[in-house]
PDB file of N, CA and C in Angstrom:
ATOM      1  N   MET A   1      -2.483  -7.979  -3.719  1.00  0.00           N
ATOM      2  CA  MET A   1      -0.874  -7.516  -3.874  1.00  0.00           C
ATOM      3  C   MET A   1      -1.115  -5.791  -3.221  1.00  0.00           C
ATOM      4  N   PHE A   2      -1.913  -4.969  -3.600  1.00  0.00           N
ATOM      5  CA  PHE A   2      -2.213  -3.645  -2.987  1.00  0.00           C
ATOM      6  C   PHE A   2      -1.784  -3.810  -1.454  1.00  0.00           C
ATOM      7  N   ASP A   3      -2.874  -4.462  -0.921  1.00  0.00           N
ATOM      8  CA  ASP A   3      -2.915  -4.502   0.562  1.00  0.00           C
ATOM      9  C   ASP A   3      -1.356  -4.844   0.868  1.00  0.00           C
ATOM     10  N   GLU A   4      -1.180  -5.977   0.700  1.00  0.00           N
ATOM     11  CA  GLU A   4       0.250  -6.238   1.054  1.00  0.00           C
ATOM     12  C   GLU A   4       1.703  -5.527   1.055  1.00  0.00           C
ATOM     13  N   VAL A   5       1.656  -4.973  -0.093  1.00  0.00           N
ATOM     14  CA  VAL A   5       2.205  -3.829  -0.656  1.00  0.00           C
ATOM     15  C   VAL A   5       2.199  -2.511   0.183  1.00  0.00           C
ATOM     16  N   SER A   6       0.946  -2.209   0.430  1.00  0.00           N
ATOM     17  CA  SER A   6       0.700  -0.788   1.233  1.00  0.00           C
ATOM     18  C   SER A   6       0.830  -1.510   2.798  1.00  0.00           C
ATOM     19  N   CYS A   7       0.775  -2.337   2.985  1.00  0.00           N
ATOM     20  CA  CYS A   7       1.236  -2.609   4.644  1.00  0.00           C
ATOM     21  C   CYS A   7       3.048  -2.651   4.464  1.00  0.00           C
ATOM     22  N   GLY A   8       3.364  -3.060   3.927  1.00  0.00           N
ATOM     23  CA  GLY A   8       4.333  -3.427   3.781  1.00  0.00           C
ATOM     24  C   GLY A   8       5.710  -2.329   3.994  1.00  0.00           C
ATOM     25  N   THR A   9       4.928  -1.301   2.953  1.00  0.00           N
ATOM     26  CA  THR A   9       5.306   0.036   2.834  1.00  0.00           C
ATOM     27  C   THR A   9       5.511   0.948   4.317  1.00  0.00           C
ATOM     28  N   VAL A  10       5.032   0.544   5.082  1.00  0.00           N
ATOM     29  CA  VAL A  10       4.649   1.478   6.279  1.00  0.00           C
ATOM     30  C   VAL A  10       5.416   0.526   7.316  1.00  0.00           C
ATOM     31  N   PHE A  11       5.462  -0.789   7.541  1.00  0.00           N
ATOM     32  CA  PHE A  11       6.415  -1.145   8.095  1.00  0.00           C
ATOM     33  C   PHE A  11       7.503  -1.388   8.245  1.00  0.00           C
ATOM     34  N   PHE A  12       8.399  -1.193   6.884  1.00  0.00           N
ATOM     35  CA  PHE A  12       9.784  -0.792   6.539  1.00  0.00           C
ATOM     36  C   PHE A  12      10.049   0.630   6.453  1.00  0.00           C
ATOM     37  N   LEU A  13       9.436   1.134   6.364  1.00  0.00           N
ATOM     38  CA  LEU A  13       9.619   2.822   6.649  1.00  0.00           C
ATOM     39  C   LEU A  13       9.531   3.216   7.786  1.00  0.00           C
ATOM     40  N   THR A  14       8.856   2.509   8.576  1.00  0.00           N
ATOM     41  CA  THR A  14       8.200   3.229  10.117  1.00  0.00           C
ATOM     42  C   THR A  14       8.532   2.311  11.251  1.00  0.00           C
ATOM     43  N   GLN A  15       8.806   1.332  10.678  1.00  0.00           N
ATOM     44  CA  GLN A  15       8.732   0.011  11.816  1.00  0.00           C
ATOM     45  C   GLN A  15       7.701   0.100  12.455  1.00  0.00           C
ATOM     46  N   SER A  16       6.378   0.526  11.970  1.00  0.00           N
ATOM     47  CA  SER A  16       5.595   0.185  12.597  1.00  0.00           C
ATOM     48  C   SER A  16       4.113  -1.088  12.192  1.00  0.00           C
ATOM     49  N   GLY A  17       3.877  -1.737  12.639  1.00  0.00           N
ATOM     50  CA  GLY A  17       2.701  -2.846  12.284  1.00  0.00           C
ATOM     51  C   GLY A  17       1.651  -2.156  12.224  1.00  0.00           C
ATOM     52  N   VAL A  18       0.374  -2.260  10.553  1.00  0.00           N
ATOM     53  CA  VAL A  18      -0.823  -1.513  10.837  1.00  0.00           C
ATOM     54  C   VAL A  18      -1.894  -2.864  10.040  1.00  0.00           C
ATOM     55  N   VAL A  19      -2.773  -2.329  10.515  1.00  0.00           N
ATOM     56  CA  VAL A  19      -4.036  -3.222   9.829  1.00  0.00           C
ATOM     57  C   VAL A  19      -4.798  -2.265   8.490  1.00  0.00           C
ATOM     58  N   THR A  20      -5.600  -2.907   7.575  1.00  0.00           N
ATOM     59  CA  THR A  20      -6.061  -1.844   6.897  1.00  0.00           C
ATOM     60  C   THR A  20      -7.219  -1.065   7.258  1.00  0.00           C
ATOM     61  N   GLY A  21      -7.325  -0.138   7.334  1.00  0.00           N
ATOM     62  CA  GLY A  21      -8.551   0.447   7.267  1.00  0.00           C
ATOM     63  C   GLY A  21      -9.878   0.421   6.159  1.00  0.00           C
ATOM     64  N   GLU A  22      -9.057   1.309   5.281  1.00  0.00           N
ATOM     65  CA  GLU A  22      -9.734   1.388   4.033  1.00  0.00           C
ATOM     66  C   GLU A  22      -8.974   1.133   2.738  1.00  0.00           C
ATOM     67  N   LEU A  23      -9.406   1.062   1.623  1.00  0.00           N
ATOM     68  CA  LEU A  23      -8.529   0.445   0.397  1.00  0.00           C
ATOM     69  C   LEU A  23      -9.180   0.638  -0.854  1.00  0.00           C
ATOM     70  N   THR A  24      -8.921   1.821  -1.826  1.00  0.00           N
ATOM     71  CA  THR A  24      -9.753   2.059  -2.990  1.00  0.00           C
ATOM     72  C   THR A  24      -8.848   1.189  -4.142  1.00  0.00           C
ATOM     73  N   VAL A  25      -9.026   0.840  -4.981  1.00  0.00           N
ATOM     74  CA  VAL A  25      -8.205   0.201  -6.308  1.00  0.00           C
ATOM     75  C   VAL A  25      -8.910   1.017  -7.470  1.00  0.00           C
ATOM     76  N   ARG A  26      -8.150   1.136  -8.280  1.00  0.00           N
ATOM     77  CA  ARG A  26      -8.421   2.213  -9.522  1.00  0.00           C
ATOM     78  C   ARG A  26      -7.805   1.302 -10.791  1.00  0.00           C
ATOM     79  N   TYR A  27      -8.236   0.338 -11.208  1.00  0.00           N
ATOM     80  CA  TYR A  27      -7.953  -0.376 -12.507  1.00  0.00           C
ATOM     81  C   TYR A  27      -7.879   0.997 -13.663  1.00  0.00           C
ATOM     82  N   LEU A  28      -6.708   0.878 -14.623  1.00  0.00           N
ATOM     83  CA  LEU A  28      -6.832   1.771 -15.696  1.00  0.00           C
ATOM     84  C   LEU A  28      -6.528   0.878 -16.969  1.00  0.00           C
ATOM     85  N   ALA A  29      -6.053  -0.183 -16.759  1.00  0.00           N
ATOM     86  CA  ALA A  29      -5.564  -1.090 -18.102  1.00  0.00           C
ATOM     87  C   ALA A  29      -6.149  -2.762 -17.544  1.00  0.00           C
ATOM     88  N   PRO A  30      -6.574  -3.404 -18.429  1.00  0.00           N
ATOM     89  CA  PRO A  30      -6.670  -5.268 -18.060  1.00  0.00           C
ATOM     90  C   PRO A  30      -5.140  -5.211 -17.496  1.00  0.00           C
ATOM     91  N   CYS A  31      -4.964  -6.037 -16.035  1.00  0.00           N
ATOM     92  CA  CYS A  31      -4.299  -6.580 -15.396  1.00  0.00           C
ATOM     93  C   CYS A  31      -3.563  -7.809 -16.032  1.00  0.00           C
ATOM     94  N   PRO A  32      -2.718  -8.478 -16.750  1.00  0.00           N
ATOM     95  CA  PRO A  32      -2.578  -9.756 -16.756  1.00  0.00           C
ATOM     96  C   PRO A  32      -1.978 -10.853 -15.609  1.00  0.00           C
ATOM     97  N   VAL A  33      -2.571 -12.015 -15.838  1.00  0.00           N
ATOM     98  CA  VAL A  33      -2.010 -13.173 -14.773  1.00  0.00           C
ATOM     99  C   VAL A  33      -1.148 -13.803 -15.626  1.00  0.00           C
ATOM    100  N   GLU A  34      -0.482 -14.298 -14.421  1.00  0.00           N
ATOM    101  CA  GLU A  34       0.608 -15.597 -14.568  1.00  0.00           C
ATOM    102  C   GLU A  34       1.428 -14.857 -15.408  1.00  0.00           C
ATOM    103  N   GLN A  35       2.370 -13.501 -14.931  1.00  0.00           N
ATOM    104  CA  GLN A  35       3.059 -12.728 -15.112  1.00  0.00           C
ATOM    105  C   GLN A  35       3.296 -11.797 -14.183  1.00  0.00           C
ATOM    106  N   GLU A  36       4.561 -11.503 -14.037  1.00  0.00           N
ATOM    107  CA  GLU A  36       5.471 -10.269 -12.969  1.00  0.00           C
ATOM    108  C   GLU A  36       4.555  -9.084 -13.391  1.00  0.00           C
ATOM    109  N   LEU A  37       4.290  -8.619 -12.317  1.00  0.00           N
ATOM    110  CA  LEU A  37       3.838  -7.015 -11.983  1.00  0.00           C
ATOM    111  C   LEU A  37       4.742  -6.618 -11.343  1.00  0.00           C
ATOM    112  N   LEU A  38       5.247  -5.424 -10.909  1.00  0.00           N
ATOM    113  CA  LEU A  38       5.917  -4.883 -10.261  1.00  0.00           C
ATOM    114  C   LEU A  38       4.831  -3.586  -9.737  1.00  0.00           C
ATOM    115  N   VAL A  39       4.902  -3.834  -8.154  1.00  0.00           N
ATOM    116  CA  VAL A  39       3.710  -3.068  -7.476  1.00  0.00           C
ATOM    117  C   VAL A  39       4.828  -2.197  -6.603  1.00  0.00           C
ATOM    118  N   ARG A  40       4.668  -0.919  -6.706  1.00  0.00           N
ATOM    119  CA  ARG A  40       5.138   0.217  -6.290  1.00  0.00           C
ATOM    120  C   ARG A  40       4.717   1.109  -4.884  1.00  0.00           C
ATOM    121  N   GLY A  41       5.009   1.267  -3.683  1.00  0.00           N
ATOM    122  CA  GLY A  41       4.204   2.049  -2.360  1.00  0.00           C
ATOM    123  C   GLY A  41       4.947   2.961  -2.169  1.00  0.00           C
ATOM    124  N   HIS A  42       4.354   4.282  -1.730  1.00  0.00           N
ATOM    125  CA  HIS A  42       4.580   5.212  -0.989  1.00  0.00           C
ATOM    126  C   HIS A  42       3.732   5.913   0.029  1.00  0.00           C
ATOM    127  N   ILE A  43       4.155   6.458   0.992  1.00  0.00           N
ATOM    128  CA  ILE A  43       3.324   6.988   2.176  1.00  0.00           C
ATOM    129  C   ILE A  43       3.415   8.501   1.503  1.00  0.00           C
ATOM    130  N   VAL A  44       2.179   8.713   1.533  1.00  0.00           N
ATOM    131  CA  VAL A  44       1.604  10.095   1.100  1.00  0.00           C
ATOM    132  C   VAL A  44       0.996  11.189   2.118  1.00  0.00           C
ATOM    133  N   ASP A  45       0.632  10.471   3.506  1.00  0.00           N
ATOM    134  CA  ASP A  45       0.696  11.341   4.583  1.00  0.00           C
ATOM    135  C   ASP A  45       0.721  10.527   5.922  1.00  0.00           C
ATOM    136  N   ALA A  46       1.628  10.799   6.504  1.00  0.00           N
ATOM    137  CA  ALA A  46       1.814  10.192   8.077  1.00  0.00           C
ATOM    138  C   ALA A  46       1.906  11.081   8.961  1.00  0.00           C
ATOM    139  N   THR A  47       0.536  12.219   8.777  1.00  0.00           N
ATOM    140  CA  THR A  47       0.715  13.394   9.774  1.00  0.00           C
ATOM    141  C   THR A  47      -0.701  12.761  10.622  1.00  0.00           C
ATOM    142  N   HIS A  48      -1.345  12.056  10.745  1.00  0.00           N
ATOM    143  CA  HIS A  48      -1.992  11.285  11.535  1.00  0.00           C
ATOM    144  C   HIS A  48      -1.280  10.768  12.954  1.00  0.00           C
ATOM    145  N   ASP A  49      -1.649  10.437  13.784  1.00  0.00           N
ATOM    146  CA  ASP A  49      -1.546   9.835  14.988  1.00  0.00           C
ATOM    147  C   ASP A  49      -1.901   8.212  14.928  1.00  0.00           C
ATOM    148  N   LYS A  50      -3.269   8.005  14.527  1.00  0.00           N
ATOM    149  CA  LYS A  50      -3.861   6.276  14.108  1.00  0.00           C
ATOM    150  C   LYS A  50      -3.572   6.231  13.236  1.00  0.00           C
ATOM    151  N   TYR A  51      -3.161   6.576  11.948  1.00  0.00           N
ATOM    152  CA  TYR A  51      -3.111   5.986  10.500  1.00  0.00           C
ATOM    153  C   TYR A  51      -1.917   6.601   9.724  1.00  0.00           C
ATOM    154  N   ALA A  52      -1.952   5.968   9.006  1.00  0.00           N
ATOM    155  CA  ALA A  52      -0.873   6.526   7.481  1.00  0.00           C
ATOM    156  C   ALA A  52      -1.688   6.443   5.983  1.00  0.00           C
ATOM    157  N   VAL A  53      -1.646   7.075   5.179  1.00  0.00           N
ATOM    158  CA  VAL A  53      -2.371   7.419   4.224  1.00  0.00           C
ATOM    159  C   VAL A  53      -1.032   6.430   3.013  1.00  0.00           C
ATOM    160  N   VAL A  54      -1.850   5.832   2.373  1.00  0.00           N
ATOM    161  CA  VAL A  54      -0.575   4.936   1.726  1.00  0.00           C
ATOM    162  C   VAL A  54      -1.026   5.403  -0.170  1.00  0.00           C
ATOM    163  N   GLU A  55      -0.151   5.237  -0.984  1.00  0.00           N
ATOM    164  CA  GLU A  55      -1.064   5.306  -2.798  1.00  0.00           C
ATOM    165  C   GLU A  55       0.054   4.056  -3.295  1.00  0.00           C
ATOM    166  N   CYS A  56      -0.195   3.132  -4.312  1.00  0.00           N
ATOM    167  CA  CYS A  56       0.459   2.183  -4.540  1.00  0.00           C
ATOM    168  C   CYS A  56       0.557   2.327  -6.277  1.00  0.00           C
ATOM    169  N   GLU A  57       0.920   1.581  -7.033  1.00  0.00           N
ATOM    170  CA  GLU A  57       1.084   1.988  -8.537  1.00  0.00           C
ATOM    171  C   GLU A  57       1.246   0.617  -8.746  1.00  0.00           C
ATOM    172  N   MET A  58       1.224  -0.135  -9.596  1.00  0.00           N
ATOM    173  CA  MET A  58       1.414  -1.467 -10.267  1.00  0.00           C
ATOM    174  C   MET A  58       1.553  -1.545 -12.007  1.00  0.00           C
ATOM    175  N   HIS A  59       2.254  -1.580 -12.276  1.00  0.00           N
ATOM    176  CA  HIS A  59       3.217  -1.748 -13.971  1.00  0.00           C
ATOM    177  C   HIS A  59       3.211  -3.068 -14.223  1.00  0.00           C
ATOM    178  N   ASP A  60       2.516  -3.356 -15.691  1.00  0.00           N
ATOM    179  CA  ASP A  60       3.061  -4.178 -16.818  1.00  0.00           C
ATOM    180  C   ASP A  60       4.118  -3.424 -17.478  1.00  0.00           C
ATOM    181  N   GLY A  61       5.731  -3.763 -17.298  1.00  0.00           N
ATOM    182  CA  GLY A  61       6.510  -3.486 -17.735  1.00  0.00           C
ATOM    183  C   GLY A  61       6.413  -1.772 -17.609  1.00  0.00           C
ATOM    184  N   ASP A  62       6.170  -0.943 -18.723  1.00  0.00           N
ATOM    185  CA  ASP A  62       6.123   0.387 -18.537  1.00  0.00           C
ATOM    186  C   ASP A  62       4.955   0.690 -18.465  1.00  0.00           C
ATOM    187  N   LYS A  63       4.006   0.074 -18.630  1.00  0.00           N
ATOM    188  CA  LYS A  63       2.772   0.349 -18.601  1.00  0.00           C
ATOM    189  C   LYS A  63       1.923   0.571 -17.144  1.00  0.00           C
ATOM    190  N   LEU A  64       1.474   1.320 -16.625  1.00  0.00           N
ATOM    191  CA  LEU A  64       0.388   1.676 -15.360  1.00  0.00           C
ATOM    192  C   LEU A  64      -0.776   1.024 -15.811  1.00  0.00           C
ATOM    193  N   VAL A  65      -1.215  -0.203 -15.008  1.00  0.00           N
ATOM    194  CA  VAL A  65      -2.204  -0.771 -15.252  1.00  0.00           C
ATOM    195  C   VAL A  65      -3.396  -0.694 -13.461  1.00  0.00           C
ATOM    196  N   ALA A  66      -2.633  -0.189 -12.605  1.00  0.00           N
ATOM    197  CA  ALA A  66      -3.798   0.006 -11.684  1.00  0.00           C
ATOM    198  C   ALA A  66      -3.118   0.612 -10.156  1.00  0.00           C
ATOM    199  N   LYS A  67      -4.081   1.551  -9.704  1.00  0.00           N
ATOM    200  CA  LYS A  67      -3.150   1.986  -8.481  1.00  0.00           C
ATOM    201  C   LYS A  67      -4.291   2.324  -7.410  1.00  0.00           C
ATOM    202  N   SER A  68      -3.911   2.389  -6.034  1.00  0.00           N
ATOM    203  CA  SER A  68      -4.423   2.271  -5.238  1.00  0.00           C
ATOM    204  C   SER A  68      -4.463   3.577  -4.551  1.00  0.00           C
ATOM    205  N   ILE A  69      -5.018   3.765  -3.133  1.00  0.00           N
ATOM    206  CA  ILE A  69      -5.085   4.899  -1.821  1.00  0.00           C
ATOM    207  C   ILE A  69      -5.549   3.765  -0.680  1.00  0.00           C
ATOM    208  N   GLY A  70      -5.137   4.252   0.277  1.00  0.00           N
ATOM    209  CA  GLY A  70      -5.780   3.484   1.590  1.00  0.00           C
ATOM    210  C   GLY A  70      -5.365   4.224   2.866  1.00  0.00           C
ATOM    211  N   LYS A  71      -5.943   4.080   3.976  1.00  0.00           N
ATOM    212  CA  LYS A  71      -5.628   4.244   5.132  1.00  0.00           C
ATOM    213  C   LYS A  71      -5.214   3.116   5.981  1.00  0.00           C
ATOM    214  N   PHE A  72      -3.904   2.854   6.397  1.00  0.00           N
ATOM    215  CA  PHE A  72      -3.579   2.092   7.235  1.00  0.00           C
ATOM    216  C   PHE A  72      -3.483   2.459   8.591  1.00  0.00           C
ATOM    217  N   PHE A  73      -4.069   1.354   9.594  1.00  0.00           N
ATOM    218  CA  PHE A  73      -3.998   2.197  11.218  1.00  0.00           C
ATOM    219  C   PHE A  73      -3.018   1.234  12.019  1.00  0.00           C
ATOM    220  N   TYR A  74      -2.111   1.977  12.558  1.00  0.00           N
ATOM    221  CA  TYR A  74      -1.545   1.540  13.412  1.00  0.00           C
ATOM    222  C   TYR A  74      -1.748   0.485  14.353  1.00  0.00           C
ATOM    223  N   SER A  75      -1.104  -0.463  14.562  1.00  0.00           N
ATOM    224  CA  SER A  75      -1.591  -1.717  15.642  1.00  0.00           C
ATOM    225  C   SER A  75      -0.898  -2.194  16.252  1.00  0.00           C
ATOM    226  N   LYS A  76      -0.670  -2.304  17.733  1.00  0.00           N
ATOM    227  CA  LYS A  76       0.244  -2.503  18.260  1.00  0.00           C
ATOM    228  C   LYS A  76       0.014  -4.367  18.257  1.00  0.00           C
ATOM    229  N   LEU A  77      -1.062  -5.123  17.996  1.00  0.00           N
ATOM    230  CA  LEU A  77      -0.810  -6.456  17.563  1.00  0.00           C
ATOM    231  C   LEU A  77       0.044  -6.571  16.830  1.00  0.00           C
ATOM    232  N   VAL A  78       0.483  -5.928  15.524  1.00  0.00           N
ATOM    233  CA  VAL A  78       1.180  -6.483  14.396  1.00  0.00           C
ATOM    234  C   VAL A  78       2.653  -6.002  14.610  1.00  0.00           C
ATOM    235  N   GLY A  79       3.191  -5.137  15.629  1.00  0.00           N
ATOM    236  CA  GLY A  79       3.993  -4.610  15.628  1.00  0.00           C
ATOM    237  C   GLY A  79       4.238  -3.145  16.446  1.00  0.00           C
ATOM    238  N   PRO A  80       5.730  -2.904  16.923  1.00  0.00           N
ATOM    239  CA  PRO A  80       5.554  -1.358  17.710  1.00  0.00           C
ATOM    240  C   PRO A  80       5.380  -0.505  16.674  1.00  0.00           C
ATOM    241  N   LYS A  81       4.506   0.530  17.176  1.00  0.00           N
ATOM    242  CA  LYS A  81       4.738   2.018  16.831  1.00  0.00           C
ATOM    243  C   LYS A  81       6.094   2.854  17.093  1.00  0.00           C
ATOM    244  N   SER A  82       6.951   3.103  16.335  1.00  0.00           N
ATOM    245  CA  SER A  82       7.867   3.834  16.642  1.00  0.00           C
ATOM    246  C   SER A  82       7.857   5.444  16.959  1.00  0.00           C
TER     247      SER A  82
END
């Protein structure tokens, strides 16, 4: 889920396709299965020409259960870089 949300965050905010270069996930609490979880992403560093850094958080209701940070490289294969 973090990978999809991170790539989508870059695409929908910049209209640029990306591929995952690295992704680190930190679990803070048990993540339940078979129920809805909310994952939100935001770009924390877009100053590089080749990649964006994206952080995400996963919530079970009001509880933060996991977070991620990763580098997502711009790719002409998955969409134009604006």
